[in-house]
Amino acid sequence: MTTGARLNMTAGLAFLAMTALSAALLAGFFGALHPAFDSFAHFRIHFSVLMALLALPLLASSYRLQAAVAMLFAIACLATTASALPRLWPRPAVAEPTDQIVYSLLQMNLRFNNPTPKKVLSLIGRTNPDVITLDEVSQMWTTELGYIASAYPYRILCPYPNGMFGVALLSRRPFAAGTAPRCEPRGAMATATIDFSGSDVDVAAIHLSWPWPKEQYWQIGELAGPLAALGQTAIVAGDCNAVPWSAAVRRVAALGGLTLMPSAGPTWIHRTLPDFLRRYAGLPIDQVFSKGGVTILSSKRLEDTGSDHLPVLVEFLVRSDQKPPEDGRASALAASDLSARPRG
């Protein structure tokens, strides 16, 4: 085979791969029609980058027109994920009221068999969040979390049928008088009404299954009632196993009347890969939603604690009047580097 023939064959194979990636990307935009399409959406960033890399050398081949179209399509697809791309520089600080208490929430997928549980407890001790939402709470974690019971006396643990993938909600602040925390079907969601200095806020920890062909779509349907029953002011956090631009996350937000917080960035990658790759090539599947009197101020990913997920620390305000902002957004990322504020 001549050199020219080999180059033509290579270009043809690259064109076929580029075409397959473009079909997968296109399917991801129709996730609302069927959960199978939504499964493709989760890899939109990765597929877009791969397609652009394949298109680049094809610009010098007989497939140059198709490559140019593919390159534009890849850029357009990446634009739809911009809010979840890794931040290479901090957001500019925004002045916030200094006469309000700033609260914090720590979202963590613990990993049911985490080999370093003391790292988790150490991180909780150093960050000292007001409330903690936890996923993959296995029997092992029931014991480990008992060590911080005095610091977080208000809690609910919701076991999963297999004993590995339950959720939990821990709080330093008391549950609102006359309310009781509750577990939703199969340990997929824990909800409690928490008293934040006189303002009642429904706080929920949620853990969704993997996308289609796993049961994520049907599980969201099971949680439709509990999500709709959330109070006027609420904050929901958890491992959604779904990216911010997916139909699954949009569905959760719609069912609860919630606004999705701008992503803190990629939080998950297979645990055999290094932390550095998780931060820049992972999937942003740990989400925070809010509505009503909750205003999200900042979010950031913390260090690895032995899970295949990175923890996410969120700071927020609770308005005493509990009225939504005039523009209708229940939460907005105001700054990632806050100036000093009074804390409860």
Protein backbone atom coordinates (compact mmCIF):
# COMPACT_ATOMS: atom_id res chain seq x y z
CA MET A 1 0.00 0.00 0.00
CA THR A 2 1.38 3.39 -0.99
CA THR A 3 1.84 6.27 1.42
CA GLY A 4 -0.99 8.17 -0.25
CA ALA A 5 -3.34 5.22 0.09
CA ARG A 6 -2.49 4.86 3.77
CA LEU A 7 -3.14 8.55 4.36
CA ASN A 8 -6.47 8.33 2.58
CA MET A 9 -7.45 5.31 4.67
CA THR A 10 -6.43 7.08 7.88
CA ALA A 11 -8.40 10.16 6.88
CA GLY A 12 -11.41 8.00 6.07
CA LEU A 13 -11.29 6.30 9.46
CA ALA A 14 -10.93 9.65 11.20
CA PHE A 15 -13.92 10.95 9.26
CA LEU A 16 -16.02 7.95 10.32
CA ALA A 17 -15.03 8.43 13.97
CA MET A 18 -15.79 12.15 13.74
CA THR A 19 -19.20 11.38 12.24
CA ALA A 20 -19.98 8.89 15.01
CA LEU A 21 -19.05 11.45 17.66
CA SER A 22 -21.22 14.10 16.02
CA ALA A 23 -24.17 11.67 16.08
CA ALA A 24 -23.58 10.97 19.78
CA LEU A 25 -23.39 14.69 20.52
CA LEU A 26 -26.57 15.38 18.60
CA ALA A 27 -28.41 12.58 20.42
CA GLY A 28 -27.50 14.17 23.74
CA PHE A 29 -29.65 17.20 22.95
CA PHE A 30 -32.78 15.02 22.81
CA GLY A 31 -32.53 13.60 26.32
CA ALA A 32 -36.05 14.79 27.14
CA LEU A 33 -37.41 12.39 24.51
CA HIS A 34 -35.79 9.27 25.94
CA PRO A 35 -33.29 8.67 28.77
CA ALA A 36 -31.04 6.74 26.37
CA PHE A 37 -30.31 9.99 24.53
CA ASP A 38 -29.61 11.73 27.83
CA SER A 39 -26.85 9.20 28.55
CA PHE A 40 -24.90 10.65 25.63
CA ALA A 41 -25.30 14.18 27.01
CA HIS A 42 -23.15 13.41 30.04
CA PHE A 43 -20.05 13.12 27.85
CA ARG A 44 -20.70 16.23 25.78
CA ILE A 45 -17.43 17.90 26.78
CA HIS A 46 -15.34 14.81 26.11
CA PHE A 47 -17.03 14.04 22.79
CA SER A 48 -16.68 17.67 21.68
CA VAL A 49 -12.97 17.77 22.43
CA LEU A 50 -12.36 14.44 20.70
CA MET A 51 -14.33 15.52 17.64
CA ALA A 52 -12.40 18.78 17.41
CA LEU A 53 -9.10 16.90 17.65
CA LEU A 54 -10.17 14.57 14.85
CA ALA A 55 -11.41 17.45 12.72
CA LEU A 56 -8.23 19.49 13.03
CA PRO A 57 -5.96 17.36 10.76
CA LEU A 58 -8.86 16.67 8.40
CA LEU A 59 -8.93 20.38 7.56
CA ALA A 60 -5.94 19.61 5.33
CA SER A 61 -7.62 16.64 3.61
CA SER A 62 -10.38 16.09 1.11
CA TYR A 63 -12.78 16.10 4.07
CA ARG A 64 -11.98 19.74 4.86
CA LEU A 65 -15.57 20.98 4.50
CA GLN A 66 -16.97 18.28 6.76
CA ALA A 67 -14.15 18.89 9.23
CA ALA A 68 -14.89 22.62 9.36
CA VAL A 69 -18.57 21.93 10.06
CA ALA A 70 -17.62 19.41 12.74
CA MET A 71 -15.26 21.91 14.35
CA LEU A 72 -17.99 24.54 14.54
CA PHE A 73 -20.44 21.99 15.94
CA ALA A 74 -17.92 20.94 18.61
CA ILE A 75 -17.42 24.56 19.66
CA ALA A 76 -21.17 25.13 19.80
CA CYS A 77 -21.61 22.00 21.96
CA LEU A 78 -18.86 23.12 24.33
CA ALA A 79 -20.57 26.50 24.66
CA THR A 80 -23.62 24.78 26.17
CA THR A 81 -21.42 23.41 28.99
CA ALA A 82 -19.51 26.61 29.73
CA SER A 83 -20.88 27.01 33.26
CA ALA A 84 -19.48 23.60 34.26
CA LEU A 85 -16.05 23.84 32.65
CA PRO A 86 -13.09 23.97 35.08
CA ARG A 87 -12.40 27.53 36.21
CA LEU A 88 -8.82 28.48 35.41
CA TRP A 89 -9.04 31.81 37.25
CA PRO A 90 -11.19 32.97 40.20
CA ARG A 91 -14.40 34.86 39.68
CA PRO A 92 -14.17 38.52 40.64
CA ALA A 93 -15.30 39.22 44.17
CA VAL A 94 -18.72 40.77 44.52
CA ALA A 95 -19.64 42.93 47.47
CA GLU A 96 -22.25 41.26 49.66
CA PRO A 97 -24.21 42.54 52.65
CA THR A 98 -22.13 42.38 55.80
CA ASP A 99 -25.09 42.38 58.16
CA GLN A 100 -26.29 38.86 57.31
CA ILE A 101 -25.13 35.49 58.54
CA VAL A 102 -23.37 33.35 55.95
CA TYR A 103 -24.13 29.64 56.25
CA SER A 104 -22.26 26.73 54.70
CA LEU A 105 -23.23 23.35 53.31
CA LEU A 106 -20.80 20.52 52.61
CA GLN A 107 -21.86 18.01 49.94
CA MET A 108 -19.94 14.72 49.93
CA ASN A 109 -20.26 11.35 48.26
CA LEU A 110 -18.43 9.38 50.94
CA ARG A 111 -17.80 6.20 48.89
CA PHE A 112 -19.36 3.22 50.63
CA ASN A 113 -15.98 1.49 51.15
CA ASN A 114 -13.78 4.56 51.59
CA PRO A 115 -10.41 3.35 52.97
CA THR A 116 -9.65 6.69 54.67
CA PRO A 117 -12.73 7.72 56.70
CA LYS A 118 -10.60 9.80 59.06
CA LYS A 119 -9.81 12.16 56.17
CA VAL A 120 -13.52 12.80 55.83
CA LEU A 121 -13.96 13.53 59.54
CA SER A 122 -10.89 15.77 59.49
CA LEU A 123 -12.27 17.78 56.56
CA ILE A 124 -15.60 18.21 58.35
CA GLY A 125 -13.76 19.42 61.44
CA ARG A 126 -11.71 21.95 59.48
CA THR A 127 -14.54 23.35 57.36
CA ASN A 128 -17.12 23.23 60.18
CA PRO A 129 -20.17 23.48 57.87
CA ASP A 130 -23.61 24.25 59.25
CA VAL A 131 -25.17 21.35 57.38
CA ILE A 132 -23.77 18.29 55.59
CA THR A 133 -25.40 16.24 52.83
CA LEU A 134 -23.93 12.78 52.34
CA ASP A 135 -24.25 10.01 49.75
CA GLU A 136 -23.19 6.33 49.74
CA VAL A 137 -23.69 6.07 53.48
CA SER A 138 -22.98 2.41 54.21
CA GLN A 139 -23.02 0.61 57.55
CA MET A 140 -19.35 1.52 57.98
CA TRP A 141 -20.26 5.20 57.82
CA THR A 142 -23.00 4.81 60.41
CA THR A 143 -20.24 4.01 62.87
CA GLU A 144 -17.80 6.68 61.65
CA LEU A 145 -20.40 9.45 61.70
CA GLY A 146 -21.17 8.56 65.30
CA TYR A 147 -17.83 10.11 66.26
CA ILE A 148 -19.12 13.58 65.35
CA ALA A 149 -22.57 13.18 66.88
CA SER A 150 -21.87 15.82 69.52
CA ALA A 151 -20.92 18.39 66.84
CA TYR A 152 -23.84 17.43 64.58
CA PRO A 153 -26.61 16.24 66.88
CA TYR A 154 -29.43 16.86 64.41
CA ARG A 155 -29.32 14.13 61.81
CA ILE A 156 -31.13 11.57 59.73
CA LEU A 157 -29.62 8.53 58.01
CA CYS A 158 -31.64 6.86 55.27
CA PRO A 159 -30.37 3.37 54.39
CA TYR A 160 -30.48 1.93 50.90
CA PRO A 161 -31.84 -1.62 50.57
CA ASN A 162 -28.40 -3.04 49.75
CA GLY A 163 -26.85 -1.29 52.77
CA MET A 164 -24.30 0.64 50.72
CA PHE A 165 -25.84 3.63 48.94
CA GLY A 166 -27.93 5.42 51.56
CA VAL A 167 -28.04 9.18 52.15
CA ALA A 168 -27.67 11.23 55.30
CA LEU A 169 -28.20 14.78 56.47
CA LEU A 170 -26.29 16.19 59.46
CA SER A 171 -26.83 19.63 60.98
CA ARG A 172 -25.34 21.78 63.70
CA ARG A 173 -28.56 23.78 63.68
CA PRO A 174 -31.79 22.41 65.13
CA PHE A 175 -34.67 21.02 63.16
CA ALA A 176 -37.60 23.42 63.09
CA ALA A 177 -40.05 23.00 65.97
CA GLY A 178 -42.92 20.70 65.17
CA THR A 179 -41.17 19.05 62.21
CA ALA A 180 -39.51 15.68 61.78
CA PRO A 181 -36.89 14.59 59.22
CA ARG A 182 -37.95 11.95 56.73
CA CYS A 183 -36.52 9.38 54.35
CA GLU A 184 -37.85 8.97 50.85
CA PRO A 185 -38.16 5.73 48.81
CA ARG A 186 -35.16 3.40 48.86
CA GLY A 187 -32.91 5.82 50.71
CA ALA A 188 -32.57 8.12 47.70
CA MET A 189 -33.44 11.33 49.55
CA ALA A 190 -33.38 12.65 53.10
CA THR A 191 -35.25 15.85 53.98
CA ALA A 192 -35.37 17.99 57.12
CA THR A 193 -36.66 21.46 57.91
CA ILE A 194 -33.81 23.30 59.61
CA ASP A 195 -34.02 26.45 61.70
CA PHE A 196 -31.47 28.96 60.41
CA SER A 197 -31.64 31.67 63.07
CA GLY A 198 -35.42 31.84 62.96
CA SER A 199 -35.87 31.08 59.24
CA ASP A 200 -37.11 27.61 58.31
CA VAL A 201 -35.42 26.02 55.31
CA ASP A 202 -36.12 22.59 53.83
CA VAL A 203 -32.75 20.90 53.28
CA ALA A 204 -32.49 17.68 51.29
CA ALA A 205 -29.71 15.23 50.49
CA ILE A 206 -30.32 13.37 47.23
CA HIS A 207 -28.54 10.48 45.50
CA LEU A 208 -29.63 9.37 42.05
CA SER A 209 -28.72 6.14 40.33
CA TRP A 210 -26.67 5.94 37.15
CA PRO A 211 -28.26 7.07 33.87
CA TRP A 212 -30.02 4.78 31.38
CA PRO A 213 -29.86 1.79 31.09
CA LYS A 214 -29.71 2.05 34.89
CA GLU A 215 -32.71 3.30 36.84
CA GLN A 216 -32.07 7.05 37.13
CA TYR A 217 -35.05 8.07 34.98
CA TRP A 218 -37.52 5.96 36.95
CA GLN A 219 -35.98 6.97 40.27
CA ILE A 220 -36.56 10.65 39.53
CA GLY A 221 -40.19 9.75 38.89
CA GLU A 222 -40.37 8.12 42.32
CA LEU A 223 -39.06 11.32 43.88
CA ALA A 224 -41.51 13.59 42.04
CA GLY A 225 -43.81 13.84 45.08
CA PRO A 226 -41.11 14.55 47.68
CA LEU A 227 -39.48 17.14 45.42
CA ALA A 228 -42.79 18.88 44.80
CA ALA A 229 -43.50 18.84 48.54
CA LEU A 230 -40.40 20.89 49.40
CA GLY A 231 -41.22 24.14 51.17
CA GLN A 232 -41.11 27.60 49.65
CA THR A 233 -37.49 27.99 50.74
CA ALA A 234 -35.20 25.01 50.20
CA ILE A 235 -31.71 23.84 49.32
CA VAL A 236 -31.07 20.41 47.80
CA ALA A 237 -27.63 18.89 47.31
CA GLY A 238 -26.30 15.54 46.24
CA ASP A 239 -24.68 13.20 43.79
CA CYS A 240 -27.09 13.29 40.87
CA ASN A 241 -24.95 11.08 38.62
CA ALA A 242 -25.97 13.59 35.96
CA VAL A 243 -24.31 16.69 34.54
CA PRO A 244 -25.85 20.19 34.83
CA TRP A 245 -26.97 20.38 31.19
CA SER A 246 -28.65 16.96 31.21
CA ALA A 247 -32.40 16.40 30.94
CA ALA A 248 -32.22 14.50 34.25
CA VAL A 249 -30.97 17.52 36.20
CA ARG A 250 -33.44 19.84 34.47
CA ARG A 251 -36.21 17.43 35.43
CA VAL A 252 -35.18 17.42 39.10
CA ALA A 253 -35.13 21.22 39.10
CA ALA A 254 -38.54 21.44 37.43
CA LEU A 255 -40.17 18.94 39.81
CA GLY A 256 -38.98 20.85 42.86
CA GLY A 257 -39.38 24.36 41.45
CA LEU A 258 -35.64 24.72 42.03
CA THR A 259 -32.83 26.71 40.48
CA LEU A 260 -29.58 24.86 39.75
CA MET A 261 -26.45 26.43 41.18
CA PRO A 262 -23.67 27.11 38.65
CA SER A 263 -21.37 24.10 38.77
CA ALA A 264 -18.28 24.05 40.97
CA GLY A 265 -16.59 22.03 38.22
CA PRO A 266 -15.84 18.34 37.62
CA THR A 267 -16.19 16.25 40.78
CA TRP A 268 -16.08 12.60 39.66
CA ILE A 269 -13.84 10.27 37.69
CA HIS A 270 -13.08 6.60 38.06
CA ARG A 271 -11.26 6.16 41.35
CA THR A 272 -8.24 4.49 39.74
CA LEU A 273 -7.36 7.75 38.00
CA PRO A 274 -5.48 10.58 39.74
CA ASP A 275 -7.11 13.52 41.47
CA PHE A 276 -5.63 15.95 38.94
CA LEU A 277 -7.57 14.33 36.10
CA ARG A 278 -10.77 14.34 38.14
CA ARG A 279 -10.54 18.11 38.50
CA TYR A 280 -10.01 18.81 34.81
CA ALA A 281 -11.37 15.81 32.89
CA GLY A 282 -13.99 14.43 35.25
CA LEU A 283 -17.76 14.81 35.22
CA PRO A 284 -19.55 17.58 37.18
CA ILE A 285 -22.24 15.36 38.71
CA ASP A 286 -22.51 16.74 42.29
CA GLN A 287 -25.26 19.36 42.11
CA VAL A 288 -26.81 21.96 44.43
CA PHE A 289 -30.29 23.41 43.88
CA SER A 290 -32.14 26.10 45.80
CA LYS A 291 -35.27 28.22 45.83
CA GLY A 292 -37.09 30.90 47.78
CA GLY A 293 -35.13 32.73 50.44
CA VAL A 294 -31.84 30.92 49.80
CA THR A 295 -29.15 32.80 47.87
CA ILE A 296 -26.03 30.85 46.90
CA LEU A 297 -22.90 32.95 47.34
CA SER A 298 -20.04 30.64 46.43
CA SER A 299 -19.03 27.06 45.75
CA LYS A 300 -15.70 25.32 45.62
CA ARG A 301 -14.32 21.83 45.37
CA LEU A 302 -12.18 20.61 48.25
CA GLU A 303 -9.38 18.07 48.48
CA ASP A 304 -9.66 14.35 47.89
CA THR A 305 -10.82 12.39 50.94
CA GLY A 306 -10.62 8.84 49.60
CA SER A 307 -13.84 8.87 47.56
CA ASP A 308 -14.17 8.90 43.80
CA HIS A 309 -15.98 12.25 44.24
CA LEU A 310 -14.58 15.58 45.39
CA PRO A 311 -16.41 17.34 48.24
CA VAL A 312 -18.19 20.60 47.38
CA LEU A 313 -18.47 23.42 49.93
CA VAL A 314 -21.25 25.94 49.36
CA GLU A 315 -21.86 29.22 51.17
CA PHE A 316 -25.30 30.81 51.17
CA LEU A 317 -27.59 33.38 52.74
CA VAL A 318 -31.11 32.89 54.04
CA ARG A 319 -33.26 35.98 53.73
CA SER A 320 -35.51 36.45 56.72
CA ASP A 321 -38.46 37.50 54.53
CA GLN A 322 -37.92 34.34 52.44
CA LYS A 323 -39.11 36.06 49.28
CA PRO A 324 -37.49 35.11 45.97
CA PRO A 325 -35.26 37.68 44.24
CA GLU A 326 -36.98 40.06 41.84
CA ASP A 327 -35.41 38.37 38.81
CA GLY A 328 -36.95 35.06 39.87
CA ARG A 329 -33.66 33.25 40.39
CA ALA A 330 -33.58 31.35 43.67
CA SER A 331 -29.81 31.10 43.71
CA ALA A 332 -26.89 32.69 41.98
CA LEU A 333 -23.16 32.28 42.28
CA ALA A 334 -22.04 35.68 43.52
CA ALA A 335 -18.36 35.08 44.25
CA SER A 336 -15.87 32.31 44.88
CA ASP A 337 -13.69 34.36 47.21
CA LEU A 338 -15.91 36.04 49.82
CA SER A 339 -14.82 38.78 52.11
CA ALA A 340 -15.31 38.29 55.84
CA ARG A 341 -18.92 38.05 56.99
CA PRO A 342 -20.61 37.29 60.28
CA ARG A 343 -21.19 33.58 60.74
CA GLY A 344 -23.58 31.77 62.97
